[in-house]
C-alpha atoms as a PDB file:
ATOM      1  CA  GLN A   1      -0.176  -8.066  19.289  1.00  0.00           C
ATOM      2  CA  VAL A   2       0.945  -7.266  15.839  1.00  0.00           C
ATOM      3  CA  GLN A   3      -1.397  -6.706  13.103  1.00  0.00           C
ATOM      4  CA  ILE A   4      -1.851  -4.864   9.355  1.00  0.00           C
ATOM      5  CA  VAL A   5      -5.415  -4.771   8.114  1.00  0.00           C
ATOM      6  CA  GLU A   6      -5.609  -3.334   4.518  1.00  0.00           C
ATOM      7  CA  SER A   7      -9.318  -2.141   3.245  1.00  0.00           C
ATOM      8  CA  GLY A   8     -10.390  -0.234   0.444  1.00  0.00           C
ATOM      9  CA  GLY A   9      -9.763  -2.839  -2.373  1.00  0.00           C
ATOM     10  CA  GLY A  10     -12.815  -3.789  -4.774  1.00  0.00           C
ATOM     11  CA  LEU A  11     -13.489  -2.926  -8.768  1.00  0.00           C
ATOM     12  CA  VAL A  12     -12.987  -0.275 -10.514  1.00  0.00           C
ATOM     13  CA  GLN A  13     -13.224   1.337 -14.587  1.00  0.00           C
ATOM     14  CA  PRO A  14      -9.663   1.901 -16.299  1.00  0.00           C
ATOM     15  CA  GLY A  15      -9.622   5.579 -15.031  1.00  0.00           C
ATOM     16  CA  GLY A  16     -10.665   5.500 -12.241  1.00  0.00           C
ATOM     17  CA  SER A  17      -9.620   5.553  -8.380  1.00  0.00           C
ATOM     18  CA  LEU A  18      -9.234   4.032  -4.545  1.00  0.00           C
ATOM     19  CA  ARG A  19      -7.950   4.828  -1.670  1.00  0.00           C
ATOM     20  CA  LEU A  20      -6.197   1.590   0.322  1.00  0.00           C
ATOM     21  CA  SER A  21      -6.342   1.692   4.306  1.00  0.00           C
ATOM     22  CA  CYS A  22      -3.554   0.277   6.223  1.00  0.00           C
ATOM     23  CA  ALA A  23      -4.882   0.052  10.165  1.00  0.00           C
ATOM     24  CA  ALA A  24      -1.566  -0.750  11.993  1.00  0.00           C
ATOM     25  CA  SER A  25      -1.688  -2.024  15.604  1.00  0.00           C
ATOM     26  CA  GLY A  26       0.615  -3.250  18.111  1.00  0.00           C
ATOM     27  CA  PHE A  27       3.651  -1.172  17.046  1.00  0.00           C
ATOM     28  CA  ILE A  28       3.664   2.326  15.499  1.00  0.00           C
ATOM     29  CA  VAL A  29       3.755   3.391  11.762  1.00  0.00           C
ATOM     30  CA  SER A  30       5.940   6.007  12.147  1.00  0.00           C
ATOM     31  CA  ARG A  31       9.071   4.448  13.871  1.00  0.00           C
ATOM     32  CA  TYR A  32       8.894   1.964  10.468  1.00  0.00           C
ATOM     33  CA  VAL A  33       9.311   2.017   6.699  1.00  0.00           C
ATOM     34  CA  MET A  34       5.872   1.727   5.518  1.00  0.00           C
ATOM     35  CA  ASN A  35       5.965  -0.544   2.320  1.00  0.00           C
ATOM     36  CA  TRP A  36       3.178  -0.775   0.238  1.00  0.00           C
ATOM     37  CA  TYR A  37       3.416  -4.516  -2.656  1.00  0.00           C
ATOM     38  CA  ARG A  38       1.374  -6.053  -5.048  1.00  0.00           C
ATOM     39  CA  GLN A  39       0.795  -9.352  -6.746  1.00  0.00           C
ATOM     40  CA  ALA A  40      -0.704  -9.588  -9.789  1.00  0.00           C
ATOM     41  CA  PRO A  41      -1.351 -13.231 -10.988  1.00  0.00           C
ATOM     42  CA  GLY A  42       1.712 -15.401 -12.175  1.00  0.00           C
ATOM     43  CA  LYS A  43       4.136 -12.511 -11.255  1.00  0.00           C
ATOM     44  CA  GLU A  44       6.556 -12.243  -8.365  1.00  0.00           C
ATOM     45  CA  ARG A  45       5.093  -9.571  -5.499  1.00  0.00           C
ATOM     46  CA  GLU A  46       6.455  -6.166  -6.437  1.00  0.00           C
ATOM     47  CA  LEU A  47       7.154  -2.931  -4.476  1.00  0.00           C
ATOM     48  CA  VAL A  48       5.148   0.014  -5.497  1.00  0.00           C
ATOM     49  CA  ALA A  49       5.083   2.679  -3.114  1.00  0.00           C
ATOM     50  CA  SER A  50       7.431   3.296   0.434  1.00  0.00           C
ATOM     51  CA  ILE A  51       7.133   6.132   2.961  1.00  0.00           C
ATOM     52  CA  SER A  52      10.100   6.513   5.440  1.00  0.00           C
ATOM     53  CA  SER A  53      10.370   6.401   9.031  1.00  0.00           C
ATOM     54  CA  TYR A  54      10.174   9.062  10.931  1.00  0.00           C
ATOM     55  CA  GLY A  55       9.563  11.394   8.484  1.00  0.00           C
ATOM     56  CA  ASP A  56       7.709  11.849   4.985  1.00  0.00           C
ATOM     57  CA  ASN A  57       9.700  10.618   2.174  1.00  0.00           C
ATOM     58  CA  THR A  58       8.156   8.695  -0.553  1.00  0.00           C
ATOM     59  CA  ASN A  59       9.271   6.360  -3.065  1.00  0.00           C
ATOM     60  CA  TYR A  60       7.361   4.607  -5.998  1.00  0.00           C
ATOM     61  CA  ALA A  61       7.767   2.383  -8.356  1.00  0.00           C
ATOM     62  CA  ASP A  62       8.246   3.761 -11.921  1.00  0.00           C
ATOM     63  CA  SER A  63       4.923   1.774 -13.027  1.00  0.00           C
ATOM     64  CA  VAL A  64       2.980   4.256 -10.584  1.00  0.00           C
ATOM     65  CA  LYS A  65       4.473   7.455 -10.558  1.00  0.00           C
ATOM     66  CA  GLY A  66       2.403   9.887 -10.323  1.00  0.00           C
ATOM     67  CA  ARG A  67      -0.960   8.419 -10.314  1.00  0.00           C
ATOM     68  CA  PHE A  68      -0.128   6.626  -6.249  1.00  0.00           C
ATOM     69  CA  THR A  69       0.366   8.652  -3.380  1.00  0.00           C
ATOM     70  CA  ILE A  70       1.906   7.116  -0.361  1.00  0.00           C
ATOM     71  CA  SER A  71       1.127   8.648   3.035  1.00  0.00           C
ATOM     72  CA  ARG A  72       0.289   8.319   6.689  1.00  0.00           C
ATOM     73  CA  ASP A  73      -1.497   9.778   9.651  1.00  0.00           C
ATOM     74  CA  ASN A  74       0.410   8.440  12.822  1.00  0.00           C
ATOM     75  CA  ALA A  75      -2.237   9.974  14.744  1.00  0.00           C
ATOM     76  CA  LYS A  76      -4.284   6.944  13.422  1.00  0.00           C
ATOM     77  CA  ASN A  77      -1.947   5.055  12.946  1.00  0.00           C
ATOM     78  CA  THR A  78      -2.796   4.233   9.288  1.00  0.00           C
ATOM     79  CA  VAL A  79      -0.903   4.736   6.122  1.00  0.00           C
ATOM     80  CA  TYR A  80      -2.877   5.150   2.974  1.00  0.00           C
ATOM     81  CA  LEU A  81      -2.135   4.658  -0.656  1.00  0.00           C
ATOM     82  CA  GLN A  82      -4.396   6.977  -3.510  1.00  0.00           C
ATOM     83  CA  MET A  83      -4.354   5.149  -6.503  1.00  0.00           C
ATOM     84  CA  ASN A  84      -5.636   7.549  -9.442  1.00  0.00           C
ATOM     85  CA  SER A  85      -5.660   6.726 -13.140  1.00  0.00           C
ATOM     86  CA  LEU A  86      -5.977   3.395 -12.460  1.00  0.00           C
ATOM     87  CA  LYS A  87      -5.249   1.130 -15.176  1.00  0.00           C
ATOM     88  CA  PRO A  88      -5.831  -2.641 -16.439  1.00  0.00           C
ATOM     89  CA  GLU A  89      -2.338  -3.685 -15.424  1.00  0.00           C
ATOM     90  CA  ASP A  90      -2.284  -2.193 -11.949  1.00  0.00           C
ATOM     91  CA  THR A  91      -5.092  -5.170 -11.022  1.00  0.00           C
ATOM     92  CA  ALA A  92      -3.602  -7.373  -8.261  1.00  0.00           C
ATOM     93  CA  VAL A  93      -3.470  -8.659  -4.488  1.00  0.00           C
ATOM     94  CA  TYR A  94      -2.139  -5.274  -2.458  1.00  0.00           C
ATOM     95  CA  TYR A  95      -0.168  -5.555   0.608  1.00  0.00           C
ATOM     96  CA  CYS A  96       0.890  -3.541   2.979  1.00  0.00           C
ATOM     97  CA  ASN A  97       3.919  -3.890   5.402  1.00  0.00           C
ATOM     98  CA  GLY A  98       5.712  -2.499   8.253  1.00  0.00           C
ATOM     99  CA  ARG A  99       9.799  -2.882   8.159  1.00  0.00           C
ATOM    100  CA  SER A 100      12.745  -2.090  10.685  1.00  0.00           C
ATOM    101  CA  TYR A 101      15.702  -3.322  11.420  1.00  0.00           C
ATOM    102  CA  LEU A 102      14.550  -6.303  13.767  1.00  0.00           C
ATOM    103  CA  TYR A 103      10.503  -6.645  12.412  1.00  0.00           C
ATOM    104  CA  ASP A 104       9.146  -7.326   9.413  1.00  0.00           C
ATOM    105  CA  TYR A 105       5.161  -7.343   8.980  1.00  0.00           C
ATOM    106  CA  TRP A 106       2.500  -7.958   6.659  1.00  0.00           C
ATOM    107  CA  GLY A 107      -0.984  -7.536   6.127  1.00  0.00           C
ATOM    108  CA  ARG A 108      -3.046 -10.048   4.401  1.00  0.00           C
ATOM    109  CA  GLY A 109      -4.079  -7.879   1.400  1.00  0.00           C
ATOM    110  CA  THR A 110      -6.557  -6.356  -0.644  1.00  0.00           C
ATOM    111  CA  GLN A 111      -7.653  -7.219  -4.014  1.00  0.00           C
ATOM    112  CA  VAL A 112      -7.913  -4.376  -6.178  1.00  0.00           C
ATOM    113  CA  THR A 113      -9.243  -5.289  -9.668  1.00  0.00           C
ATOM    114  CA  VAL A 114      -9.117  -2.604 -12.911  1.00  0.00           C
ATOM    115  CA  SER A 115     -11.703  -3.769 -15.549  1.00  0.00           C
ATOM    116  CA  SER A 116     -14.538  -2.322 -17.192  1.00  0.00           C
END
């Protein structure tokens, strides 16, 4: 059974940091393009960061470049999103996604709130 569970969200002050985790079961994350998306209230879901399958090529939205880092631990079958220098506009529900040519898996999301 395929499952993605995000964790690590919470309330943080502007300028703070959080590390989100995406624990996968039922598929091997290294064989999938793994993505982090976010959706703020009243806005469309947007792609934040991606890491390639079978490698470590990464891509980021312009709004998070230099602040967020996506990484993968193959031994733990887990993907991470390190978020530094957080801003109020980073407030959103963050979703982990695993995608291949045939399959598209989503977690239920974790809330990140950046506020003083």
